[in-house]
N, C-alpha and C. Protein backbone atom coordinates (compact mmCIF):
# COMPACT_ATOMS: atom_id res chain seq x y z
N GLU A 1 212.90 -9.30 161.03
CA GLU A 1 211.60 -8.84 160.68
C GLU A 1 210.62 -9.97 160.69
N GLU A 2 209.95 -10.02 161.73
CA GLU A 2 208.90 -11.10 161.98
C GLU A 2 207.57 -10.53 161.81
N VAL A 3 206.77 -11.28 160.96
CA VAL A 3 205.35 -10.80 160.80
C VAL A 3 204.48 -11.65 161.62
N GLU A 4 203.71 -11.06 162.49
CA GLU A 4 202.76 -11.80 163.23
C GLU A 4 201.52 -11.98 162.52
N SER A 5 200.93 -13.31 162.65
CA SER A 5 199.77 -13.56 162.07
C SER A 5 198.60 -13.23 162.92
N PRO A 6 197.56 -12.57 162.56
CA PRO A 6 196.48 -12.30 163.48
C PRO A 6 195.63 -13.57 163.66
N ASP A 7 195.94 -14.30 164.66
CA ASP A 7 195.32 -15.66 165.14
C ASP A 7 194.65 -15.42 166.43
N VAL A 8 193.57 -14.42 166.24
CA VAL A 8 192.84 -14.22 167.52
C VAL A 8 191.49 -14.77 167.57
N HIS A 9 191.20 -15.49 168.65
CA HIS A 9 189.80 -16.15 168.83
C HIS A 9 189.13 -15.54 170.04
N PHE A 10 187.82 -15.31 169.92
CA PHE A 10 186.98 -14.71 170.96
C PHE A 10 185.95 -15.73 171.27
N GLU A 11 185.63 -16.14 172.42
CA GLU A 11 184.45 -16.84 172.77
C GLU A 11 183.34 -16.03 172.87
N PRO A 12 182.14 -16.61 172.47
CA PRO A 12 180.93 -15.80 172.46
C PRO A 12 180.38 -15.57 173.93
N ILE A 13 179.88 -14.41 174.18
CA ILE A 13 179.46 -14.01 175.47
C ILE A 13 178.07 -14.77 175.72
N VAL A 14 177.27 -14.76 174.64
CA VAL A 14 175.93 -15.26 174.81
C VAL A 14 175.77 -16.34 173.84
N LYS A 15 175.21 -17.47 174.38
CA LYS A 15 174.89 -18.77 173.54
C LYS A 15 173.55 -18.57 172.95
N LEU A 16 173.33 -18.56 171.61
CA LEU A 16 171.93 -18.52 170.98
C LEU A 16 171.51 -19.87 170.62
N GLU A 17 170.35 -20.07 170.93
CA GLU A 17 169.65 -21.38 170.61
C GLU A 17 169.21 -21.34 169.20
N ASP A 18 169.06 -22.53 168.50
CA ASP A 18 168.50 -22.61 167.25
C ASP A 18 166.94 -22.40 167.41
N VAL A 19 166.39 -21.59 166.56
CA VAL A 19 164.91 -21.33 166.65
C VAL A 19 164.30 -21.95 165.40
N VAL A 20 163.29 -22.73 165.69
CA VAL A 20 162.54 -23.27 164.50
C VAL A 20 161.51 -22.30 164.04
N VAL A 21 161.64 -21.95 162.81
CA VAL A 21 160.66 -21.07 162.13
C VAL A 21 159.61 -21.74 161.36
N LYS A 22 158.37 -21.54 161.75
CA LYS A 22 157.36 -22.19 160.91
C LYS A 22 156.84 -21.29 159.75
N THR A 23 156.74 -21.68 158.62
CA THR A 23 156.23 -20.88 157.50
C THR A 23 154.86 -21.28 157.16
N HIS A 24 154.20 -22.31 157.85
CA HIS A 24 152.91 -22.77 157.62
C HIS A 24 152.62 -23.31 156.28
N GLU A 25 153.82 -23.64 155.66
CA GLU A 25 153.91 -24.50 154.37
C GLU A 25 154.18 -25.91 154.48
N GLU A 26 154.34 -26.35 155.95
CA GLU A 26 154.83 -27.63 156.09
C GLU A 26 153.88 -28.78 155.75
N ASP A 27 152.54 -28.34 155.76
CA ASP A 27 151.49 -29.35 155.37
C ASP A 27 151.08 -29.32 153.99
N GLU A 28 151.98 -28.55 153.05
CA GLU A 28 151.50 -28.41 151.74
C GLU A 28 152.63 -28.72 150.73
N ASP A 29 152.21 -29.05 149.56
CA ASP A 29 153.15 -29.40 148.44
C ASP A 29 153.08 -28.31 147.42
N ALA A 30 154.34 -27.98 146.97
CA ALA A 30 154.20 -26.88 145.91
C ALA A 30 154.10 -27.68 144.47
N ILE A 31 152.95 -27.13 143.93
CA ILE A 31 152.54 -27.81 142.59
C ILE A 31 153.07 -26.84 141.48
N PHE A 32 153.38 -25.71 141.80
CA PHE A 32 153.88 -24.69 140.83
C PHE A 32 154.73 -23.68 141.62
N LYS A 33 155.81 -23.29 140.92
CA LYS A 33 156.75 -22.32 141.55
C LYS A 33 157.42 -21.53 140.42
N MET A 34 157.49 -20.22 140.43
CA MET A 34 158.06 -19.48 139.36
C MET A 34 158.32 -18.02 139.79
N ARG A 35 159.34 -17.41 139.34
CA ARG A 35 159.57 -16.01 139.71
C ARG A 35 158.71 -15.08 138.83
N ALA A 36 158.21 -14.03 139.63
CA ALA A 36 157.32 -13.12 138.96
C ALA A 36 157.23 -11.72 139.76
N LYS A 37 156.63 -10.80 139.17
CA LYS A 37 156.36 -9.55 139.97
C LYS A 37 154.91 -9.22 139.99
N LEU A 38 154.49 -8.95 141.20
CA LEU A 38 153.02 -8.82 141.66
C LEU A 38 152.69 -7.40 141.72
N PHE A 39 151.48 -7.06 141.24
CA PHE A 39 150.99 -5.59 141.38
C PHE A 39 149.62 -5.66 142.03
N ARG A 40 149.11 -4.58 142.61
CA ARG A 40 147.74 -4.46 143.10
C ARG A 40 147.28 -3.19 142.55
N PHE A 41 145.94 -3.09 142.37
CA PHE A 41 145.33 -1.92 141.77
C PHE A 41 144.88 -1.04 142.97
N ASP A 42 145.37 0.20 142.96
CA ASP A 42 144.97 1.15 144.11
C ASP A 42 143.86 1.91 143.51
N THR A 43 142.59 1.86 143.96
CA THR A 43 141.49 2.34 143.51
C THR A 43 141.39 3.89 143.90
N GLU A 44 142.05 4.26 144.91
CA GLU A 44 142.10 5.72 145.15
C GLU A 44 143.02 6.53 144.32
N ALA A 45 144.08 6.03 144.02
CA ALA A 45 145.08 6.70 142.99
C ALA A 45 144.79 6.26 141.63
N THR A 46 143.88 5.23 141.42
CA THR A 46 143.62 4.67 140.17
C THR A 46 144.96 4.33 139.28
N GLU A 47 145.87 3.60 140.03
CA GLU A 47 146.96 3.21 139.31
C GLU A 47 147.52 1.83 139.90
N TRP A 48 148.38 1.17 139.22
CA TRP A 48 148.97 -0.11 139.66
C TRP A 48 150.14 0.23 140.50
N LYS A 49 150.13 -0.56 141.71
CA LYS A 49 151.28 -0.35 142.70
C LYS A 49 151.98 -1.65 142.67
N GLU A 50 153.28 -1.61 142.73
CA GLU A 50 154.11 -2.86 142.90
C GLU A 50 153.89 -3.40 144.33
N ARG A 51 153.60 -4.73 144.49
CA ARG A 51 153.55 -5.31 145.67
C ARG A 51 154.71 -6.03 146.11
N GLY A 52 155.42 -6.59 145.06
CA GLY A 52 156.64 -7.41 145.34
C GLY A 52 157.15 -8.21 144.13
N THR A 53 158.38 -8.54 144.21
CA THR A 53 159.00 -9.48 143.32
C THR A 53 159.49 -10.76 144.02
N GLY A 54 159.34 -11.90 143.47
CA GLY A 54 159.73 -13.05 144.16
C GLY A 54 159.06 -14.40 143.56
N ASP A 55 159.16 -15.50 144.27
CA ASP A 55 158.60 -16.76 143.74
C ASP A 55 157.06 -16.91 144.04
N VAL A 56 156.20 -17.01 142.98
CA VAL A 56 154.88 -17.24 143.26
C VAL A 56 154.64 -18.75 143.31
N LYS A 57 153.98 -19.35 144.33
CA LYS A 57 153.80 -20.69 144.45
C LYS A 57 152.27 -20.99 144.57
N LEU A 58 151.97 -22.15 143.99
CA LEU A 58 150.59 -22.82 144.21
C LEU A 58 150.78 -23.92 145.20
N LEU A 59 150.24 -23.95 146.36
CA LEU A 59 150.45 -24.98 147.38
C LEU A 59 149.20 -25.77 147.58
N LYS A 60 149.32 -27.08 147.41
CA LYS A 60 148.30 -28.00 147.63
C LYS A 60 148.33 -28.56 149.01
N HIS A 61 147.27 -28.44 149.85
CA HIS A 61 147.31 -29.01 151.10
C HIS A 61 147.25 -30.53 151.24
N GLN A 62 148.13 -31.19 151.97
CA GLN A 62 148.24 -32.66 151.89
C GLN A 62 146.87 -33.34 152.37
N GLU A 63 146.12 -32.74 153.34
CA GLU A 63 145.04 -33.40 153.87
C GLU A 63 143.70 -32.95 153.25
N THR A 64 143.59 -31.73 152.97
CA THR A 64 142.18 -31.13 152.35
C THR A 64 142.29 -31.20 150.81
N GLY A 65 143.55 -31.06 150.35
CA GLY A 65 143.58 -31.02 148.83
C GLY A 65 143.35 -29.65 148.30
N ARG A 66 142.97 -28.70 149.06
CA ARG A 66 142.78 -27.32 148.55
C ARG A 66 144.00 -26.60 148.09
N VAL A 67 143.95 -25.83 147.17
CA VAL A 67 145.15 -25.12 146.56
C VAL A 67 145.03 -23.62 146.89
N ARG A 68 146.21 -23.16 147.35
CA ARG A 68 146.20 -21.55 147.50
C ARG A 68 147.36 -21.02 146.82
N LEU A 69 147.33 -19.73 146.69
CA LEU A 69 148.46 -18.99 145.99
C LEU A 69 149.14 -18.27 147.10
N LEU A 70 150.52 -18.50 147.07
CA LEU A 70 151.32 -17.68 148.05
C LEU A 70 152.56 -17.19 147.26
N MET A 71 152.84 -15.92 147.65
CA MET A 71 153.98 -15.19 147.00
C MET A 71 154.68 -14.40 148.07
N ARG A 72 155.91 -14.69 148.21
CA ARG A 72 156.81 -13.89 149.17
C ARG A 72 157.88 -13.05 148.40
N ARG A 73 158.23 -11.92 148.98
CA ARG A 73 159.17 -11.11 148.34
C ARG A 73 160.60 -11.64 148.43
N ASP A 74 161.41 -11.43 147.52
CA ASP A 74 162.81 -11.89 147.64
C ASP A 74 163.43 -11.18 148.85
N LYS A 75 164.40 -11.89 149.33
CA LYS A 75 165.16 -11.36 150.59
C LYS A 75 164.48 -11.26 151.77
N THR A 76 163.41 -10.50 151.97
CA THR A 76 162.70 -10.39 153.19
C THR A 76 161.82 -11.36 153.41
N LEU A 77 161.32 -12.08 152.47
CA LEU A 77 160.40 -13.24 152.50
C LEU A 77 158.96 -12.74 153.01
N LYS A 78 158.73 -11.61 153.05
CA LYS A 78 157.46 -11.10 153.47
C LYS A 78 156.30 -11.44 152.49
N VAL A 79 155.21 -11.91 153.12
CA VAL A 79 154.01 -12.34 152.19
C VAL A 79 153.46 -11.16 151.41
N CYS A 80 153.28 -11.36 150.17
CA CYS A 80 152.76 -10.35 149.33
C CYS A 80 151.44 -10.68 148.64
N ALA A 81 151.23 -12.04 148.62
CA ALA A 81 149.92 -12.62 148.21
C ALA A 81 149.63 -13.86 149.00
N ASN A 82 148.43 -14.04 149.46
CA ASN A 82 148.10 -15.39 150.17
C ASN A 82 146.67 -15.57 150.12
N HIS A 83 146.05 -16.39 149.14
CA HIS A 83 144.76 -16.54 149.13
C HIS A 83 144.40 -17.98 148.47
N TYR A 84 143.34 -18.48 148.70
CA TYR A 84 142.81 -19.84 148.13
C TYR A 84 142.35 -19.40 146.78
N ILE A 85 142.48 -20.27 145.80
CA ILE A 85 141.93 -20.08 144.55
C ILE A 85 140.61 -20.57 144.44
N THR A 86 139.67 -19.66 144.14
CA THR A 86 138.20 -20.05 144.26
C THR A 86 137.61 -20.12 142.82
N GLU A 87 136.47 -20.76 142.62
CA GLU A 87 135.97 -20.97 141.28
C GLU A 87 135.46 -19.72 140.55
N ASP A 88 135.42 -18.57 141.36
CA ASP A 88 135.00 -17.35 140.73
C ASP A 88 136.14 -16.46 140.36
N MET A 89 137.52 -16.84 140.58
CA MET A 89 138.60 -16.22 140.12
C MET A 89 138.88 -16.60 138.58
N VAL A 90 138.87 -15.57 137.80
CA VAL A 90 139.14 -15.71 136.38
C VAL A 90 140.35 -15.00 135.88
N LEU A 91 141.43 -15.60 135.41
CA LEU A 91 142.50 -14.88 134.80
C LEU A 91 142.09 -14.31 133.51
N SER A 92 142.42 -12.93 133.39
CA SER A 92 142.03 -12.26 132.15
C SER A 92 143.44 -11.60 131.70
N PRO A 93 143.74 -11.51 130.49
CA PRO A 93 145.06 -11.06 130.05
C PRO A 93 145.11 -9.51 130.36
N ASN A 94 146.24 -9.06 130.69
CA ASN A 94 146.42 -7.62 130.90
C ASN A 94 146.60 -6.96 129.59
N VAL A 95 145.97 -5.79 129.58
CA VAL A 95 146.07 -5.01 128.24
C VAL A 95 147.47 -4.75 127.94
N GLY A 96 147.70 -5.10 126.55
CA GLY A 96 149.08 -4.76 125.93
C GLY A 96 150.11 -5.57 126.41
N SER A 97 149.87 -6.83 127.09
CA SER A 97 151.11 -7.61 127.45
C SER A 97 150.62 -9.11 127.38
N ASP A 98 151.46 -9.83 126.75
CA ASP A 98 151.20 -11.34 126.72
C ASP A 98 151.86 -12.21 127.86
N ARG A 99 152.62 -11.49 128.63
CA ARG A 99 153.23 -12.04 129.80
C ARG A 99 152.71 -11.68 131.17
N SER A 100 151.41 -11.25 131.23
CA SER A 100 150.77 -10.89 132.47
C SER A 100 149.45 -11.26 132.53
N TRP A 101 148.85 -11.37 133.71
CA TRP A 101 147.45 -11.74 133.98
C TRP A 101 146.84 -10.94 135.16
N VAL A 102 145.54 -10.70 135.02
CA VAL A 102 144.82 -9.96 136.10
C VAL A 102 143.60 -10.67 136.61
N TRP A 103 143.54 -10.69 137.91
CA TRP A 103 142.33 -11.42 138.64
C TRP A 103 141.90 -10.71 139.86
N ASN A 104 140.59 -10.84 140.16
CA ASN A 104 139.97 -10.37 141.45
C ASN A 104 140.14 -11.32 142.58
N VAL A 105 140.40 -10.91 143.73
CA VAL A 105 140.55 -11.70 144.96
C VAL A 105 139.46 -11.13 145.88
N ALA A 106 138.77 -11.92 146.37
CA ALA A 106 137.72 -11.64 147.37
C ALA A 106 138.32 -11.34 148.80
N ALA A 107 139.30 -12.28 149.17
CA ALA A 107 139.98 -12.06 150.48
C ALA A 107 141.34 -12.45 150.42
N ASP A 108 142.18 -11.47 150.14
CA ASP A 108 143.65 -11.68 150.13
C ASP A 108 144.21 -11.56 151.46
N LEU A 109 144.87 -12.56 152.16
CA LEU A 109 145.29 -12.41 153.50
C LEU A 109 146.77 -12.00 153.57
N VAL A 110 146.96 -10.64 153.43
CA VAL A 110 148.27 -10.09 153.65
C VAL A 110 148.31 -9.28 154.91
N ASP A 111 149.34 -9.40 155.73
CA ASP A 111 149.33 -8.64 156.93
C ASP A 111 148.24 -9.22 157.91
N ASP A 112 147.87 -10.37 157.82
CA ASP A 112 146.72 -10.99 158.63
C ASP A 112 145.41 -10.12 158.50
N GLU A 113 145.27 -9.55 157.41
CA GLU A 113 143.92 -8.76 157.14
C GLU A 113 143.39 -9.27 155.73
N ALA A 114 142.21 -9.68 155.62
CA ALA A 114 141.63 -10.13 154.49
C ALA A 114 140.92 -8.80 153.87
N GLU A 115 141.42 -8.62 152.60
CA GLU A 115 140.92 -7.53 151.90
C GLU A 115 140.68 -7.92 150.45
N ARG A 116 139.73 -7.16 149.80
CA ARG A 116 139.35 -7.31 148.46
C ARG A 116 140.46 -6.66 147.53
N GLN A 117 141.01 -7.36 146.57
CA GLN A 117 142.05 -6.81 145.70
C GLN A 117 141.83 -7.10 144.23
N LEU A 118 142.40 -6.31 143.48
CA LEU A 118 142.58 -6.67 142.05
C LEU A 118 144.04 -6.75 141.69
N LEU A 119 144.48 -7.88 141.42
CA LEU A 119 145.90 -8.26 141.34
C LEU A 119 146.42 -8.38 140.00
N ALA A 120 147.51 -8.20 139.66
CA ALA A 120 148.15 -8.52 138.36
C ALA A 120 149.52 -9.09 138.58
N ILE A 121 149.92 -10.11 137.76
CA ILE A 121 151.08 -10.74 137.91
C ILE A 121 151.86 -10.64 136.55
N ARG A 122 153.14 -10.48 136.61
CA ARG A 122 153.91 -10.39 135.23
C ARG A 122 155.10 -11.44 135.47
N PHE A 123 155.30 -12.07 134.34
CA PHE A 123 156.49 -13.08 134.22
C PHE A 123 157.58 -12.46 133.27
N ALA A 124 158.47 -13.26 133.25
CA ALA A 124 159.73 -12.88 132.31
C ALA A 124 159.31 -13.06 130.90
N ASN A 125 158.49 -13.89 130.59
CA ASN A 125 158.08 -14.18 129.12
C ASN A 125 156.68 -14.77 129.08
N SER A 126 156.11 -14.84 127.84
CA SER A 126 154.87 -15.38 127.66
C SER A 126 154.75 -16.88 127.95
N GLU A 127 155.81 -17.47 127.70
CA GLU A 127 155.79 -18.99 127.97
C GLU A 127 155.64 -19.37 129.43
N ASN A 128 156.23 -18.53 130.41
CA ASN A 128 156.04 -18.68 131.79
C ASN A 128 154.70 -18.24 132.25
N ALA A 129 154.21 -17.20 131.63
CA ALA A 129 152.87 -16.75 131.90
C ALA A 129 151.70 -17.80 131.54
N ASN A 130 152.01 -18.46 130.37
CA ASN A 130 150.99 -19.44 130.03
C ASN A 130 151.08 -20.73 130.99
N LYS A 131 152.33 -21.05 131.43
CA LYS A 131 152.41 -22.14 132.41
C LYS A 131 151.69 -21.85 133.72
N PHE A 132 151.75 -20.48 134.11
CA PHE A 132 151.00 -20.11 135.37
C PHE A 132 149.56 -20.26 135.16
N LYS A 133 149.12 -19.77 133.95
CA LYS A 133 147.63 -19.83 133.62
C LYS A 133 147.11 -21.37 133.75
N GLU A 134 147.94 -22.27 133.11
CA GLU A 134 147.47 -23.56 133.11
C GLU A 134 147.43 -24.12 134.58
N ALA A 135 148.41 -23.79 135.37
CA ALA A 135 148.59 -24.18 136.76
C ALA A 135 147.37 -23.71 137.53
N PHE A 136 147.13 -22.34 137.27
CA PHE A 136 146.02 -21.59 138.03
C PHE A 136 144.73 -22.26 137.72
N GLU A 137 144.40 -22.56 136.36
CA GLU A 137 143.14 -23.14 135.94
C GLU A 137 142.97 -24.52 136.51
N ASP A 138 144.07 -25.23 136.45
CA ASP A 138 143.98 -26.64 137.15
C ASP A 138 143.64 -26.55 138.60
N ALA A 139 144.31 -25.52 139.45
CA ALA A 139 144.01 -25.42 140.95
C ALA A 139 142.50 -25.00 140.97
N ARG A 140 142.10 -24.15 140.22
CA ARG A 140 140.76 -23.81 140.24
C ARG A 140 139.74 -24.85 140.20
N GLU A 141 139.96 -25.67 139.14
CA GLU A 141 139.08 -26.86 138.91
C GLU A 141 139.26 -27.77 140.18
N ASN A 142 140.54 -28.00 140.68
CA ASN A 142 140.69 -28.87 141.82
C ASN A 142 139.88 -28.29 143.00
N ASN A 143 139.87 -27.02 143.27
CA ASN A 143 139.25 -26.44 144.37
C ASN A 143 137.80 -26.45 144.23
N LYS A 144 137.36 -26.36 142.88
CA LYS A 144 135.85 -26.43 142.61
C LYS A 144 135.46 -27.81 143.08
N THR A 145 135.98 -28.81 142.75
CA THR A 145 135.58 -30.24 143.14
C THR A 145 135.74 -30.39 144.64
N ASP A 146 136.75 -29.64 145.35
CA ASP A 146 136.91 -29.79 146.72
C ASP A 146 136.31 -28.70 147.49
N SER A 147 135.28 -28.01 146.85
CA SER A 147 134.66 -26.97 147.64
C SER A 147 133.84 -27.54 148.78
N ASP A 148 133.40 -28.75 148.64
CA ASP A 148 132.82 -29.36 149.89
C ASP A 148 133.78 -29.87 150.96
N ALA A 149 135.10 -29.69 150.70
CA ALA A 149 136.05 -30.25 151.57
C ALA A 149 135.84 -29.70 153.08
N PRO A 150 135.68 -28.52 153.22
CA PRO A 150 135.49 -27.99 154.73
C PRO A 150 134.18 -28.56 155.19
N LYS A 151 133.13 -28.83 154.41
CA LYS A 151 131.85 -29.44 154.98
C LYS A 151 132.20 -30.81 155.40
N LYS A 152 132.92 -31.59 154.56
CA LYS A 152 133.32 -33.09 154.85
C LYS A 152 134.29 -33.03 156.01
N GLU A 153 135.08 -32.10 156.21
CA GLU A 153 136.05 -32.04 157.44
C GLU A 153 135.15 -31.96 158.66
N ALA A 154 134.18 -31.01 158.58
CA ALA A 154 133.37 -30.78 159.72
C ALA A 154 132.53 -31.98 160.12
N LYS A 155 132.00 -32.65 159.15
CA LYS A 155 131.15 -33.83 159.26
C LYS A 155 132.07 -34.95 159.86
N ALA A 156 133.15 -35.20 159.40
CA ALA A 156 134.16 -36.21 160.03
C ALA A 156 134.41 -35.82 161.41
N GLU A 157 134.70 -34.51 161.80
CA GLU A 157 134.95 -34.03 163.14
C GLU A 157 133.72 -34.41 164.01
N GLU A 158 132.52 -34.16 163.43
CA GLU A 158 131.30 -34.38 164.25
C GLU A 158 131.18 -35.72 164.42
N LYS A 159 131.36 -36.76 163.53
CA LYS A 159 131.28 -38.10 163.74
C LYS A 159 132.25 -38.63 164.82
N LYS A 160 133.48 -38.10 164.75
CA LYS A 160 134.33 -38.49 165.84
C LYS A 160 133.97 -38.11 167.21
N GLU A 161 133.37 -36.81 167.28
CA GLU A 161 132.72 -36.37 168.60
C GLU A 161 131.60 -37.29 169.07
N ASP A 162 130.69 -37.69 168.16
CA ASP A 162 129.61 -38.46 168.41
C ASP A 162 130.03 -39.93 168.86
N ALA A 163 131.00 -40.36 168.25
CA ALA A 163 131.54 -41.61 168.68
C ALA A 163 132.20 -41.57 170.05
N LYS A 164 132.92 -40.54 170.45
CA LYS A 164 133.46 -40.36 171.69
C LYS A 164 132.37 -40.21 172.69
N GLU A 165 131.28 -39.58 172.48
CA GLU A 165 130.15 -39.42 173.32
C GLU A 165 129.56 -40.69 173.57
N ALA A 166 129.33 -41.45 172.49
CA ALA A 166 128.75 -42.80 172.69
C ALA A 166 129.58 -43.78 173.53
N GLU A 167 130.86 -43.63 173.41
CA GLU A 167 131.80 -44.48 174.21
C GLU A 167 131.69 -44.02 175.61
N LYS A 168 131.58 -42.76 176.01
CA LYS A 168 131.48 -42.36 177.37
C LYS A 168 130.09 -42.86 177.90
N GLU A 169 129.09 -42.74 177.14
CA GLU A 169 127.87 -43.23 177.64
C GLU A 169 127.81 -44.70 178.00
N GLU A 170 128.40 -45.47 177.13
CA GLU A 170 128.54 -46.92 177.34
C GLU A 170 129.44 -47.28 178.64
N GLU A 171 130.54 -46.51 178.84
CA GLU A 171 131.38 -46.53 180.09
C GLU A 171 130.54 -46.19 181.32
N ALA A 172 129.69 -45.12 181.14
CA ALA A 172 128.87 -44.62 182.29
C ALA A 172 127.73 -45.91 182.60
N LYS A 173 127.19 -46.39 181.55
CA LYS A 173 126.27 -47.41 181.75
C LYS A 173 126.85 -48.65 182.60
N LYS A 174 128.09 -49.01 182.08
CA LYS A 174 128.84 -50.17 182.68
C LYS A 174 129.06 -49.86 184.10
N GLU A 175 129.56 -48.73 184.54
CA GLU A 175 129.88 -48.37 185.87
C GLU A 175 128.57 -48.25 186.72
N ALA A 176 127.44 -47.95 186.15
CA ALA A 176 126.25 -47.80 186.79
C ALA A 176 125.53 -49.11 187.10
N GLU A 177 125.89 -50.09 186.29
CA GLU A 177 125.29 -51.48 186.45
C GLU A 177 125.75 -52.17 187.80
N PRO A 178 124.91 -52.82 188.52
CA PRO A 178 125.35 -53.45 189.83
C PRO A 178 126.24 -54.65 189.46
N LYS A 179 127.27 -54.74 190.20
CA LYS A 179 128.20 -55.83 190.06
C LYS A 179 127.86 -57.19 190.60
N LYS A 180 127.95 -58.19 189.83
CA LYS A 180 127.51 -59.56 190.30
C LYS A 180 128.58 -60.24 190.78
N ASP A 181 128.44 -60.80 192.16
CA ASP A 181 129.50 -61.40 192.72
C ASP A 181 129.43 -62.94 192.76
């Protein structure tokens, strides 16, 4: 009575290359990360609809210093919230809960569409909710002082372009001058 061991090996027919996936979070540092459940208010049905459960992150851009809120659903990693924290966003407590917050978003970029939303976020306990509020308020203050950042970036770009143009003009003048032998 011999028992054969199933030692079968198949070579793959197709070789798959490694694919580099960009999350667009490469230039940002996570300054806050916590698990939560996100809701949006549906004005037509006048009720709260669940948008997803996952890690909510506050990401600070390394160059501009601006902070945005990003939340992806568990498992699918689909984006369910993506917006910069602006100075007009105010967290207000959700009625009847010490572990959730509500705020208005002028342009939430989900599915590559900017739309106005009323969002609510709920945490496991009030301690986590308060940590989120602190981080959110800090980010709002940070973005308030950096609200001129896009203007500064545009001016810096303009200066670079002006310098390039001046350089080209100098080179053109040098080439136009008669050569002395």
